[in-house]
Amino acid sequence: MSAMPHTFTTTRPQRVQLGFTLIEVLVSLLILAVLAATAWKGMDGISTARQVADDNLKQTLRVQSVITQFEADMAQVMDLQIVDGMQFDGAHLRVTRRINEGVQVVVWYVQRNRLFRWASPVTTKVGELQKYWLSSYQLQGREPGTLTALKGVERWQVYCFRGGSMSNCQSSGDLTQSKQTQIGGATGAAPLAANRFSLPNAVRCQLTLGEGSGFAGTLTRDVMLAPQPQNN
């Protein structure tokens, strides 16, 4: 009996898979893209919120600086009895302001939805003061000494506190007689008008703020006047 021949079988070693498939790479890229977009939106939202907060802060500081300047002008009002110490005609608030070097005319007014402040050169001469006062009736918003105090002002109104009550500053009952006086020891020309408005004890400024100001509504500020003494 012949022996059975021996047979040998060989098996090939299995190939080990290395790396990622194309589908896995695409899925990974998609996930990374979603995460990047989410992170970008978050950063953009933070940047936008910060910008809005900065703008609001700047607008708030701007309004505060305007109020501070307005209060400073009112605190230095001086009635020389040549021109009005203060006059409001419904659009322009004119004041005669005393500073260390002399006096000047300051005008606050609203034009083209902007609050402007104009200040004349400082003078110690009556004739120049009268000239500056007259020129304040022809302001166009481009004269030297003009500053844009605040944007987005739709309208404004000024009230005067006299005789224990707040009333329209244009009341004819507040007119008094003008007379000549001195500025820095020098007399000048005749007064511009026979009558002038007497100084109130306080003023109320109301600004209606709208688009461009960063606010909405009415801003009201009451300011006590501290008339400066005259140098006789």
Protein backbone atom coordinates (compact mmCIF):
# COMPACT_ATOMS: atom_id res chain seq x y z
CA MET A 1 0.00 0.00 0.00
CA SER A 2 1.53 3.18 -1.12
CA ALA A 3 1.84 6.08 1.25
CA MET A 4 -0.39 9.15 0.79
CA PRO A 5 1.59 12.02 -0.59
CA HIS A 6 1.90 14.95 1.77
CA THR A 7 0.41 18.23 0.58
CA PHE A 8 1.39 21.63 1.97
CA THR A 9 -0.75 24.73 1.86
CA THR A 10 0.61 28.20 2.36
CA THR A 11 -1.35 31.28 3.49
CA ARG A 12 -0.43 34.78 2.55
CA PRO A 13 -0.04 37.24 5.43
CA GLN A 14 -2.93 39.75 5.72
CA ARG A 15 -2.09 43.30 4.66
CA VAL A 16 -2.34 45.80 7.54
CA GLN A 17 -4.36 48.91 6.55
CA LEU A 18 -2.54 52.14 7.33
CA GLY A 19 -3.82 55.81 7.16
CA PHE A 20 -7.35 57.09 6.48
CA THR A 21 -9.73 56.53 3.71
CA LEU A 22 -10.85 59.40 1.49
CA ILE A 23 -14.29 59.42 3.10
CA GLU A 24 -12.78 59.75 6.56
CA VAL A 25 -10.63 62.65 5.41
CA LEU A 26 -13.63 64.41 3.88
CA VAL A 27 -15.69 63.95 7.04
CA SER A 28 -12.85 65.32 9.14
CA LEU A 29 -12.53 68.35 6.90
CA LEU A 30 -16.25 68.95 7.10
CA ILE A 31 -16.17 68.86 10.90
CA LEU A 32 -13.22 71.24 10.99
CA ALA A 33 -15.01 73.61 8.61
CA VAL A 34 -18.12 73.66 10.82
CA LEU A 35 -16.02 74.32 13.92
CA ALA A 36 -14.11 77.10 12.17
CA ALA A 37 -17.32 78.77 10.98
CA THR A 38 -18.82 78.58 14.47
CA ALA A 39 -15.70 80.05 16.02
CA TRP A 40 -15.63 82.86 13.44
CA LYS A 41 -19.25 83.78 14.12
CA GLY A 42 -18.51 83.86 17.82
CA MET A 43 -15.48 86.09 17.36
CA ASP A 44 -17.38 88.34 14.97
CA GLY A 45 -20.22 88.66 17.48
CA ILE A 46 -17.77 89.60 20.24
CA SER A 47 -16.07 92.15 17.98
CA THR A 48 -19.40 93.68 16.97
CA ALA A 49 -20.61 93.89 20.56
CA ARG A 50 -17.35 95.55 21.58
CA GLN A 51 -17.61 98.07 18.74
CA VAL A 52 -21.19 98.93 19.71
CA ALA A 53 -20.16 99.36 23.33
CA ASP A 54 -17.24 101.59 22.34
CA ASP A 55 -19.49 103.73 20.12
CA ASN A 56 -22.06 104.10 22.90
CA LEU A 57 -19.34 105.10 25.34
CA LYS A 58 -17.96 107.69 22.92
CA GLN A 59 -21.44 109.14 22.35
CA THR A 60 -22.09 109.28 26.09
CA LEU A 61 -18.79 111.06 26.71
CA ARG A 62 -19.58 113.43 23.84
CA VAL A 63 -22.94 114.37 25.34
CA GLN A 64 -21.34 114.84 28.75
CA SER A 65 -18.67 117.14 27.29
CA VAL A 66 -21.36 119.22 25.57
CA ILE A 67 -23.28 119.58 28.83
CA THR A 68 -20.09 120.50 30.67
CA GLN A 69 -19.27 123.21 28.12
CA PHE A 70 -22.84 124.53 28.23
CA GLU A 71 -22.71 124.75 32.02
CA ALA A 72 -19.34 126.54 31.84
CA ASP A 73 -20.76 129.13 29.45
CA MET A 74 -23.78 129.71 31.69
CA ALA A 75 -21.55 130.02 34.77
CA GLN A 76 -19.57 132.84 33.12
CA VAL A 77 -22.46 134.94 31.81
CA MET A 78 -21.92 138.67 32.33
CA ASP A 79 -24.51 141.40 31.83
CA LEU A 80 -22.62 144.48 30.66
CA GLN A 81 -25.88 146.32 29.91
CA ILE A 82 -24.62 147.08 26.39
CA VAL A 83 -25.81 143.90 24.70
CA ASP A 84 -27.91 141.21 26.30
CA GLY A 85 -26.15 139.08 28.85
CA MET A 86 -28.30 136.23 27.51
CA GLN A 87 -30.85 136.07 24.73
CA PHE A 88 -32.83 133.23 23.16
CA ASP A 89 -34.78 133.95 19.96
CA GLY A 90 -36.24 130.47 19.52
CA ALA A 91 -33.29 129.17 17.51
CA HIS A 92 -30.11 130.81 18.84
CA LEU A 93 -28.99 131.13 22.45
CA ARG A 94 -26.59 134.08 22.71
CA VAL A 95 -24.62 134.86 25.85
CA THR A 96 -21.97 137.38 26.79
CA ARG A 97 -19.28 135.39 28.53
CA ARG A 98 -16.59 136.76 30.82
CA ILE A 99 -13.16 135.10 30.82
CA ASN A 100 -9.77 136.17 32.15
CA GLU A 101 -8.70 138.03 29.00
CA GLY A 102 -11.97 139.92 28.49
CA VAL A 103 -15.41 139.06 27.16
CA GLN A 104 -16.75 137.17 24.15
CA VAL A 105 -20.05 136.32 22.54
CA VAL A 106 -21.02 132.64 22.55
CA VAL A 107 -23.90 131.26 20.51
CA TRP A 108 -25.52 127.82 20.73
CA TYR A 109 -27.87 126.87 17.90
CA VAL A 110 -29.27 123.89 15.97
CA GLN A 111 -28.91 123.74 12.20
CA ARG A 112 -29.11 120.77 9.81
CA ASN A 113 -29.78 118.41 12.75
CA ARG A 114 -26.55 119.47 14.44
CA LEU A 115 -25.91 121.44 17.58
CA PHE A 116 -23.30 124.13 16.93
CA ARG A 117 -21.33 126.35 19.29
CA TRP A 118 -19.78 129.56 18.02
CA ALA A 119 -17.44 131.71 20.09
CA SER A 120 -16.26 135.15 19.01
CA PRO A 121 -12.72 136.43 19.61
CA VAL A 122 -12.09 137.77 23.10
CA THR A 123 -12.24 141.54 23.38
CA THR A 124 -12.04 144.36 25.91
CA LYS A 125 -13.58 146.97 23.59
CA VAL A 126 -17.24 147.88 23.54
CA GLY A 127 -17.29 148.52 19.80
CA GLU A 128 -15.86 145.08 19.02
CA LEU A 129 -18.29 143.42 21.41
CA GLN A 130 -21.20 145.10 19.62
CA LYS A 131 -19.80 144.02 16.25
CA TYR A 132 -19.48 140.40 17.37
CA TRP A 133 -22.99 140.49 18.78
CA LEU A 134 -24.41 141.74 15.49
CA SER A 135 -22.43 139.19 13.48
CA SER A 136 -23.95 136.40 15.60
CA TYR A 137 -27.25 137.01 13.75
CA GLN A 138 -25.70 135.86 10.47
CA LEU A 139 -24.11 132.55 11.42
CA GLN A 140 -24.05 129.86 8.73
CA GLY A 141 -22.12 127.16 10.59
CA ARG A 142 -18.83 127.69 8.74
CA GLU A 143 -17.43 130.74 10.53
CA PRO A 144 -14.13 130.62 12.43
CA GLY A 145 -14.80 129.67 16.01
CA THR A 146 -17.65 127.31 15.11
CA LEU A 147 -17.64 123.76 16.43
CA THR A 148 -20.08 120.92 15.81
CA ALA A 149 -20.99 120.06 19.39
CA LEU A 150 -23.42 117.20 18.73
CA LYS A 151 -25.00 115.43 15.75
CA GLY A 152 -28.50 114.02 15.49
CA VAL A 153 -30.27 116.89 17.29
CA GLU A 154 -33.75 117.23 15.83
CA ARG A 155 -34.83 120.28 17.83
CA TRP A 156 -34.12 122.19 21.00
CA GLN A 157 -35.80 124.59 23.35
CA VAL A 158 -34.57 126.85 26.13
CA TYR A 159 -36.65 128.01 29.10
CA CYS A 160 -35.79 130.66 31.68
CA PHE A 161 -36.45 130.58 35.41
CA ARG A 162 -37.54 134.02 36.57
CA GLY A 163 -39.77 135.12 39.38
CA GLY A 164 -40.09 131.66 40.83
CA SER A 165 -41.34 129.92 37.67
CA MET A 166 -40.03 128.49 34.39
CA SER A 167 -41.27 130.24 31.27
CA ASN A 168 -40.42 131.00 27.65
CA CYS A 169 -37.16 132.94 27.42
CA GLN A 170 -38.73 135.18 24.76
CA SER A 171 -41.24 136.69 27.16
CA SER A 172 -41.41 140.47 26.64
CA GLY A 173 -42.04 140.92 30.36
CA ASP A 174 -38.34 140.32 30.97
CA LEU A 175 -37.16 143.38 29.02
CA THR A 176 -35.21 146.08 30.85
CA GLN A 177 -33.62 149.39 29.88
CA SER A 178 -30.10 149.35 28.42
CA LYS A 179 -27.36 151.78 29.36
CA GLN A 180 -23.70 152.37 28.65
CA THR A 181 -21.06 150.71 30.78
CA GLN A 182 -17.37 149.92 30.69
CA ILE A 183 -15.29 146.96 29.62
CA GLY A 184 -11.84 146.90 31.11
CA GLY A 185 -12.12 150.58 32.01
CA ALA A 186 -12.89 151.85 28.49
CA THR A 187 -16.24 153.32 27.48
CA GLY A 188 -17.68 152.56 24.10
CA ALA A 189 -20.38 153.41 21.62
CA ALA A 190 -24.08 153.66 22.30
CA PRO A 191 -25.97 150.46 23.10
CA LEU A 192 -27.40 148.43 20.25
CA ALA A 193 -31.00 148.61 21.47
CA ALA A 194 -33.00 150.56 24.00
CA ASN A 195 -34.23 147.38 25.68
CA ARG A 196 -32.58 144.10 26.58
CA PHE A 197 -33.50 140.87 28.32
CA SER A 198 -32.72 140.62 32.01
CA LEU A 199 -30.75 137.60 33.15
CA PRO A 200 -32.75 134.68 34.53
CA ASN A 201 -31.86 132.80 37.68
CA ALA A 202 -31.55 129.52 35.77
CA VAL A 203 -32.12 128.05 32.32
CA ARG A 204 -33.53 124.74 31.14
CA CYS A 205 -32.12 123.27 27.95
CA GLN A 206 -34.10 120.54 26.16
CA LEU A 207 -32.54 118.62 23.26
CA THR A 208 -34.57 116.17 21.19
CA LEU A 209 -32.08 113.52 20.06
CA GLY A 210 -32.58 111.27 17.06
CA GLU A 211 -30.70 109.40 14.36
CA GLY A 212 -27.00 110.11 14.37
CA SER A 213 -26.77 110.99 18.04
CA GLY A 214 -26.69 107.43 19.35
CA PHE A 215 -29.69 108.16 21.55
CA ALA A 216 -33.42 108.69 21.25
CA GLY A 217 -35.69 110.91 23.30
CA THR A 218 -35.38 114.26 25.03
CA LEU A 219 -32.39 115.35 27.09
CA THR A 220 -33.24 117.98 29.71
CA ARG A 221 -30.67 119.94 31.69
CA ASP A 222 -31.28 122.68 34.27
CA VAL A 223 -28.38 125.05 34.89
CA MET A 224 -28.10 127.77 37.50
CA LEU A 225 -26.66 131.06 36.29
CA ALA A 226 -23.83 132.73 38.19
CA PRO A 227 -23.57 136.22 36.65
CA GLN A 228 -20.06 137.61 36.74
CA PRO A 229 -19.52 140.94 38.50
CA GLN A 230 -18.71 144.01 36.44
CA ASN A 231 -15.47 145.95 36.71
CA ASN A 232 -16.42 149.57 37.27
